[in-house]
């Protein structure tokens, strides 16, 4: 079984469990439409088309990741952002490396283009302990296989440390228990163990993984410090730092083109982050 197959099975199981036992917003027929659209769009936009119909496991994982993390009242919003995510994966490349995690890219595009309609929600999978254990078991099995276990572990430690230094210690009302409470949301853990550890958009060397987790946690907490806690800060930080993975991975054979493209994209990403952060925060609650 390939890593892509294992990842898709893991996410599909979580989607099923969330639909039966938690608060997944979409109905079965809506999820079917989104997955069907994803499969067709991926087939017709692949650079390396095959003669027979082929369904990409990673593209379906992208769609499920978006459905687990985002809530929108319009099906076309899901389809548009997934289409944009798959397009950048195939066409925004250098030396056969794409820059952005497709699921995360889709969520950022949703915030940029459909801010009033599309919202990142970490409550869809609830907080049941048995579901959390299920997610952790699936995560452990795949993280050691792809050698990315250091990223979630170090991110959690850095995140808690920086939250205490920059947020809790400077706020006479806030206590660390409120920070710990975020880890009760299974979707929060899903981000840390699945989206944050994408082998295609994270460094492969241990030292680089530690630095990646350090800067991810630091930037997320600093955004919380300046703008107040918003779920989107996790995704905005990943949007920025995953951009540099192709440069780090190809450090020995880096080219002027790679450096130039990375810097240009970094400028655009910063502009996107500023635009999103300038919008009024939207507070969404799951009911039922």
Protein backbone atom coordinates (compact mmCIF):
# COMPACT_ATOMS: atom_id res chain seq x y z
CA UNK A 1 0.00 0.00 0.00
CA UNK A 2 1.41 3.39 -1.00
CA UNK A 3 1.61 6.34 1.38
CA UNK A 4 -1.02 8.14 -0.70
CA UNK A 5 -3.41 5.20 -0.39
CA UNK A 6 -2.86 4.97 3.37
CA UNK A 7 -3.42 8.71 3.78
CA UNK A 8 -6.63 8.58 1.74
CA UNK A 9 -7.96 5.61 3.74
CA UNK A 10 -7.17 7.41 7.01
CA UNK A 11 -8.96 10.59 5.97
CA UNK A 12 -11.92 8.70 4.51
CA UNK A 13 -12.36 6.78 7.77
CA UNK A 14 -12.31 10.07 9.69
CA UNK A 15 -14.87 11.53 7.29
CA UNK A 16 -17.16 8.53 7.79
CA UNK A 17 -16.79 8.58 11.58
CA UNK A 18 -17.35 12.32 11.63
CA UNK A 19 -20.50 11.95 9.53
CA UNK A 20 -21.97 9.28 11.81
CA UNK A 21 -20.82 10.45 15.23
CA UNK A 22 -19.82 14.12 15.01
CA UNK A 23 -20.80 17.35 13.27
CA UNK A 24 -19.71 17.06 9.64
CA UNK A 25 -21.57 19.90 7.93
CA UNK A 26 -22.01 18.36 4.47
CA UNK A 27 -24.61 15.73 3.57
CA UNK A 28 -23.67 12.46 1.86
CA UNK A 29 -24.82 13.60 -1.58
CA UNK A 30 -22.88 16.87 -1.26
CA UNK A 31 -19.71 14.98 -0.34
CA UNK A 32 -20.31 12.68 -3.30
CA UNK A 33 -20.57 15.64 -5.68
CA UNK A 34 -17.36 17.20 -4.35
CA UNK A 35 -15.40 13.93 -4.60
CA UNK A 36 -16.74 13.26 -8.11
CA UNK A 37 -15.82 16.76 -9.23
CA UNK A 38 -12.35 16.34 -7.74
CA UNK A 39 -11.73 13.04 -9.55
CA UNK A 40 -12.88 14.45 -12.91
CA UNK A 41 -10.98 17.72 -12.54
CA UNK A 42 -7.80 15.89 -11.56
CA UNK A 43 -8.05 13.61 -14.57
CA UNK A 44 -8.53 16.40 -17.10
CA UNK A 45 -5.82 18.66 -15.67
CA UNK A 46 -3.05 16.13 -15.02
CA UNK A 47 0.16 16.90 -16.86
CA UNK A 48 0.89 13.18 -17.25
CA UNK A 49 -2.54 11.96 -18.42
CA UNK A 50 -2.98 8.22 -18.77
CA UNK A 51 -4.98 6.63 -21.56
CA UNK A 52 -7.45 5.07 -19.13
CA UNK A 53 -9.38 6.84 -16.37
CA UNK A 54 -7.21 7.32 -13.33
CA UNK A 55 -8.17 8.56 -9.89
CA UNK A 56 -5.44 10.27 -7.91
CA UNK A 57 -5.39 9.28 -4.26
CA UNK A 58 -3.74 12.55 -3.25
CA UNK A 59 -6.41 14.64 -5.01
CA UNK A 60 -9.20 12.86 -3.15
CA UNK A 61 -7.26 13.37 0.09
CA UNK A 62 -7.16 17.07 -0.73
CA UNK A 63 -10.94 17.16 -1.14
CA UNK A 64 -11.56 15.28 2.10
CA UNK A 65 -9.14 17.53 3.96
CA UNK A 66 -11.07 20.58 2.78
CA UNK A 67 -14.41 19.03 3.76
CA UNK A 68 -13.10 18.22 7.25
CA UNK A 69 -11.67 21.69 7.83
CA UNK A 70 -14.02 24.08 6.04
CA UNK A 71 -17.69 24.95 6.17
CA UNK A 72 -19.47 26.77 3.34
CA UNK A 73 -23.11 27.07 2.32
CA UNK A 74 -22.21 26.83 -1.37
CA UNK A 75 -21.02 23.68 -3.12
CA UNK A 76 -19.36 25.72 -5.86
CA UNK A 77 -17.07 27.26 -3.22
CA UNK A 78 -15.68 23.82 -2.39
CA UNK A 79 -15.26 22.99 -6.07
CA UNK A 80 -13.53 26.27 -6.96
CA UNK A 81 -10.97 26.18 -4.14
CA UNK A 82 -10.22 22.48 -4.72
CA UNK A 83 -9.76 23.19 -8.43
CA UNK A 84 -7.34 26.02 -7.62
CA UNK A 85 -5.43 23.77 -5.20
CA UNK A 86 -5.02 20.94 -7.71
CA UNK A 87 -4.06 23.39 -10.47
CA UNK A 88 -1.25 24.94 -8.43
CA UNK A 89 -0.04 21.46 -7.54
CA UNK A 90 0.35 20.53 -11.21
CA UNK A 91 1.44 23.82 -12.75
CA UNK A 92 3.09 25.90 -10.01
CA UNK A 93 6.25 23.80 -9.83
CA UNK A 94 9.98 24.14 -10.10
CA UNK A 95 12.31 21.16 -10.54
CA UNK A 96 9.19 18.93 -10.23
CA UNK A 97 8.44 20.28 -6.72
CA UNK A 98 5.18 22.01 -5.88
CA UNK A 99 5.27 24.65 -3.17
CA UNK A 100 2.00 24.45 -1.25
CA UNK A 101 0.07 21.71 0.51
CA UNK A 102 -3.04 21.41 -1.71
CA UNK A 103 -5.59 21.19 1.13
CA UNK A 104 -4.06 24.16 2.89
CA UNK A 105 -3.86 26.13 -0.35
CA UNK A 106 -7.58 25.49 -0.93
CA UNK A 107 -8.44 26.77 2.54
CA UNK A 108 -6.36 29.92 2.07
CA UNK A 109 -8.03 30.59 -1.30
CA UNK A 110 -11.40 30.17 0.41
CA UNK A 111 -10.45 32.81 2.98
CA UNK A 112 -9.12 35.11 0.26
CA UNK A 113 -11.98 34.78 -2.25
CA UNK A 114 -14.99 33.74 -0.17
CA UNK A 115 -14.29 35.09 3.31
CA UNK A 116 -17.94 35.79 4.16
CA UNK A 117 -19.13 32.35 3.04
CA UNK A 118 -16.26 29.92 3.72
CA UNK A 119 -14.96 29.44 7.25
CA UNK A 120 -12.26 27.24 8.71
CA UNK A 121 -13.95 25.29 11.50
CA UNK A 122 -12.14 22.95 13.90
CA UNK A 123 -15.28 21.60 15.55
CA UNK A 124 -16.62 19.25 12.89
CA UNK A 125 -14.93 16.15 14.33
CA UNK A 126 -15.94 16.99 17.89
CA UNK A 127 -13.85 16.08 20.91
CA UNK A 128 -14.74 12.45 21.68
CA UNK A 129 -11.79 10.69 23.28
CA UNK A 130 -12.23 7.45 21.32
CA UNK A 131 -12.11 9.34 18.01
CA UNK A 132 -9.00 11.19 19.15
CA UNK A 133 -7.30 7.86 19.94
CA UNK A 134 -8.31 6.55 16.51
CA UNK A 135 -6.76 9.58 14.82
CA UNK A 136 -3.57 9.31 16.86
CA UNK A 137 -3.17 5.62 16.02
CA UNK A 138 -3.57 6.29 12.29
CA UNK A 139 -1.17 9.23 12.53
CA UNK A 140 1.53 7.22 14.31
CA UNK A 141 1.36 4.45 11.71
CA UNK A 142 1.93 6.84 8.83
CA UNK A 143 4.28 9.38 10.47
CA UNK A 144 7.00 6.83 11.19
CA UNK A 145 6.60 5.48 7.68
CA UNK A 146 7.25 8.90 6.10
CA UNK A 147 9.75 9.94 8.79
CA UNK A 148 7.88 13.07 9.83
CA UNK A 149 7.17 12.30 13.51
CA UNK A 150 9.52 15.04 14.75
CA UNK A 151 7.41 17.82 13.19
CA UNK A 152 4.16 17.39 15.19
CA UNK A 153 6.02 16.59 18.40
CA UNK A 154 8.30 19.62 18.23
CA UNK A 155 5.50 21.88 16.95
CA UNK A 156 3.32 21.08 19.98
CA UNK A 157 6.18 21.76 22.40
CA UNK A 158 7.19 25.01 20.69
CA UNK A 159 3.55 26.08 20.37
CA UNK A 160 2.87 25.66 24.10
CA UNK A 161 6.14 27.39 25.02
CA UNK A 162 5.52 30.40 22.77
CA UNK A 163 1.88 30.67 23.82
CA UNK A 164 3.04 30.97 27.42
CA UNK A 165 5.84 33.47 26.64
CA UNK A 166 4.01 35.77 24.23
CA UNK A 167 0.35 35.37 25.17
CA UNK A 168 -0.43 33.87 28.58
CA UNK A 169 2.32 35.58 30.58
CA UNK A 170 1.28 38.97 29.16
CA UNK A 171 -2.45 38.53 29.73
CA UNK A 172 -3.64 38.65 33.38
CA UNK A 173 -6.90 36.91 32.46
CA UNK A 174 -5.79 34.13 30.12
CA UNK A 175 -4.56 30.85 31.65
CA UNK A 176 -2.72 27.91 30.09
CA UNK A 177 -5.78 25.67 30.49
CA UNK A 178 -7.43 27.68 27.73
CA UNK A 179 -4.49 26.88 25.45
CA UNK A 180 -4.63 23.19 26.36
CA UNK A 181 -8.32 23.17 25.56
CA UNK A 182 -7.55 23.75 21.87
CA UNK A 183 -6.00 20.30 21.73
CA UNK A 184 -9.37 18.78 22.65
CA UNK A 185 -10.64 19.65 19.16
CA UNK A 186 -9.86 16.61 17.04
CA UNK A 187 -9.63 18.73 13.89
CA UNK A 188 -6.84 20.74 15.57
CA UNK A 189 -4.94 17.49 16.07
CA UNK A 190 -5.79 16.47 12.51
CA UNK A 191 -4.06 19.61 11.23
CA UNK A 192 -0.95 18.95 13.33
CA UNK A 193 -0.57 15.25 12.48
CA UNK A 194 -1.75 15.14 8.87
CA UNK A 195 -1.64 18.52 7.12
CA UNK A 196 1.46 19.81 8.89
CA UNK A 197 3.42 16.64 8.02
CA UNK A 198 2.80 16.41 4.27
CA UNK A 199 6.03 14.80 2.96
CA UNK A 200 5.82 16.74 -0.32
CA UNK A 201 5.78 20.17 1.32
CA UNK A 202 7.89 19.65 4.46
CA UNK A 203 11.67 19.10 4.81
CA UNK A 204 13.04 15.57 4.95
CA UNK A 205 16.08 16.19 7.17
CA UNK A 206 15.55 16.14 10.94
CA UNK A 207 17.36 19.44 11.53
CA UNK A 208 15.26 21.18 8.87
CA UNK A 209 12.09 19.65 10.34
CA UNK A 210 12.93 21.09 13.75
CA UNK A 211 13.45 24.54 12.23
CA UNK A 212 10.24 24.19 10.24
CA UNK A 213 8.25 23.33 13.39
CA UNK A 214 9.97 26.13 15.33
CA UNK A 215 9.10 28.84 12.83
CA UNK A 216 5.60 27.44 12.27
CA UNK A 217 4.86 27.64 16.01
CA UNK A 218 6.53 31.03 16.44
CA UNK A 219 4.69 32.68 13.54
CA UNK A 220 1.34 31.19 14.59
CA UNK A 221 1.71 32.48 18.15
CA UNK A 222 2.93 35.90 17.02
CA UNK A 223 -0.15 36.23 14.81
CA UNK A 224 -2.23 35.31 17.87
CA UNK A 225 -0.36 37.97 19.86
CA UNK A 226 -0.97 40.77 17.37
CA UNK A 227 -4.44 39.82 16.08
CA UNK A 228 -5.95 37.66 18.82
CA UNK A 229 -6.48 33.92 18.51
CA UNK A 230 -7.87 32.91 15.14
CA UNK A 231 -7.90 29.38 13.76
CA UNK A 232 -6.68 30.65 10.41
CA UNK A 233 -3.26 31.53 11.85
CA UNK A 234 -2.23 27.87 11.77
CA UNK A 235 -3.05 27.65 8.08
CA UNK A 236 -1.52 31.02 7.19
CA UNK A 237 1.77 30.01 8.80
CA UNK A 238 1.84 26.72 6.89
CA UNK A 239 0.98 28.63 3.69
CA UNK A 240 4.10 30.76 4.13
CA UNK A 241 6.71 28.31 5.40
CA UNK A 242 5.88 25.38 3.11
CA UNK A 243 6.87 27.75 0.31
CA UNK A 244 10.55 27.33 1.20
CA UNK A 245 10.63 23.52 1.25
CA UNK A 246 11.68 23.11 -2.42
CA UNK A 247 14.52 25.57 -1.79
CA UNK A 248 15.67 23.72 1.34
CA UNK A 249 15.35 20.28 -0.22
CA UNK A 250 17.31 21.33 -3.30
CA UNK A 251 19.88 23.39 -1.43
CA UNK A 252 22.84 21.62 -3.04
CA UNK A 253 21.48 22.21 -6.53
CA UNK A 254 19.61 25.46 -6.00
CA UNK A 255 19.37 27.74 -8.98
CA UNK A 256 18.80 31.44 -9.47
CA UNK A 257 15.39 30.62 -10.93
CA UNK A 258 14.37 28.68 -7.81
CA UNK A 259 15.46 31.49 -5.50
CA UNK A 260 13.76 34.13 -7.64
CA UNK A 261 10.48 32.21 -7.88
CA UNK A 262 10.50 31.55 -4.13
CA UNK A 263 11.05 35.22 -3.32
CA UNK A 264 8.33 36.34 -5.72
CA UNK A 265 5.87 33.82 -4.28
CA UNK A 266 6.85 34.85 -0.74
CA UNK A 267 5.95 38.44 -1.59
CA UNK A 268 2.56 37.38 -2.95
CA UNK A 269 1.94 35.15 0.07
CA UNK A 270 2.67 38.02 2.46
CA UNK A 271 0.19 40.20 0.57
CA UNK A 272 -2.45 37.45 0.79
CA UNK A 273 -1.85 37.06 4.54
CA UNK A 274 -2.17 40.82 5.09
CA UNK A 275 -5.44 40.90 3.12
CA UNK A 276 -6.93 38.01 5.10
CA UNK A 277 -5.78 39.34 8.46
CA UNK A 278 -7.25 42.75 7.70
CA UNK A 279 -10.75 41.26 7.55
CA UNK A 280 -12.96 41.19 10.63
CA UNK A 281 -12.79 37.91 12.58
CA UNK A 282 -15.69 35.55 12.06
CA UNK A 283 -16.80 33.42 14.99
CA UNK A 284 -18.48 30.20 13.95
CA UNK A 285 -20.00 27.67 16.32
CA UNK A 286 -21.08 24.12 15.56
CA UNK A 287 -24.55 23.28 16.81
CA UNK A 288 -25.99 19.80 16.58
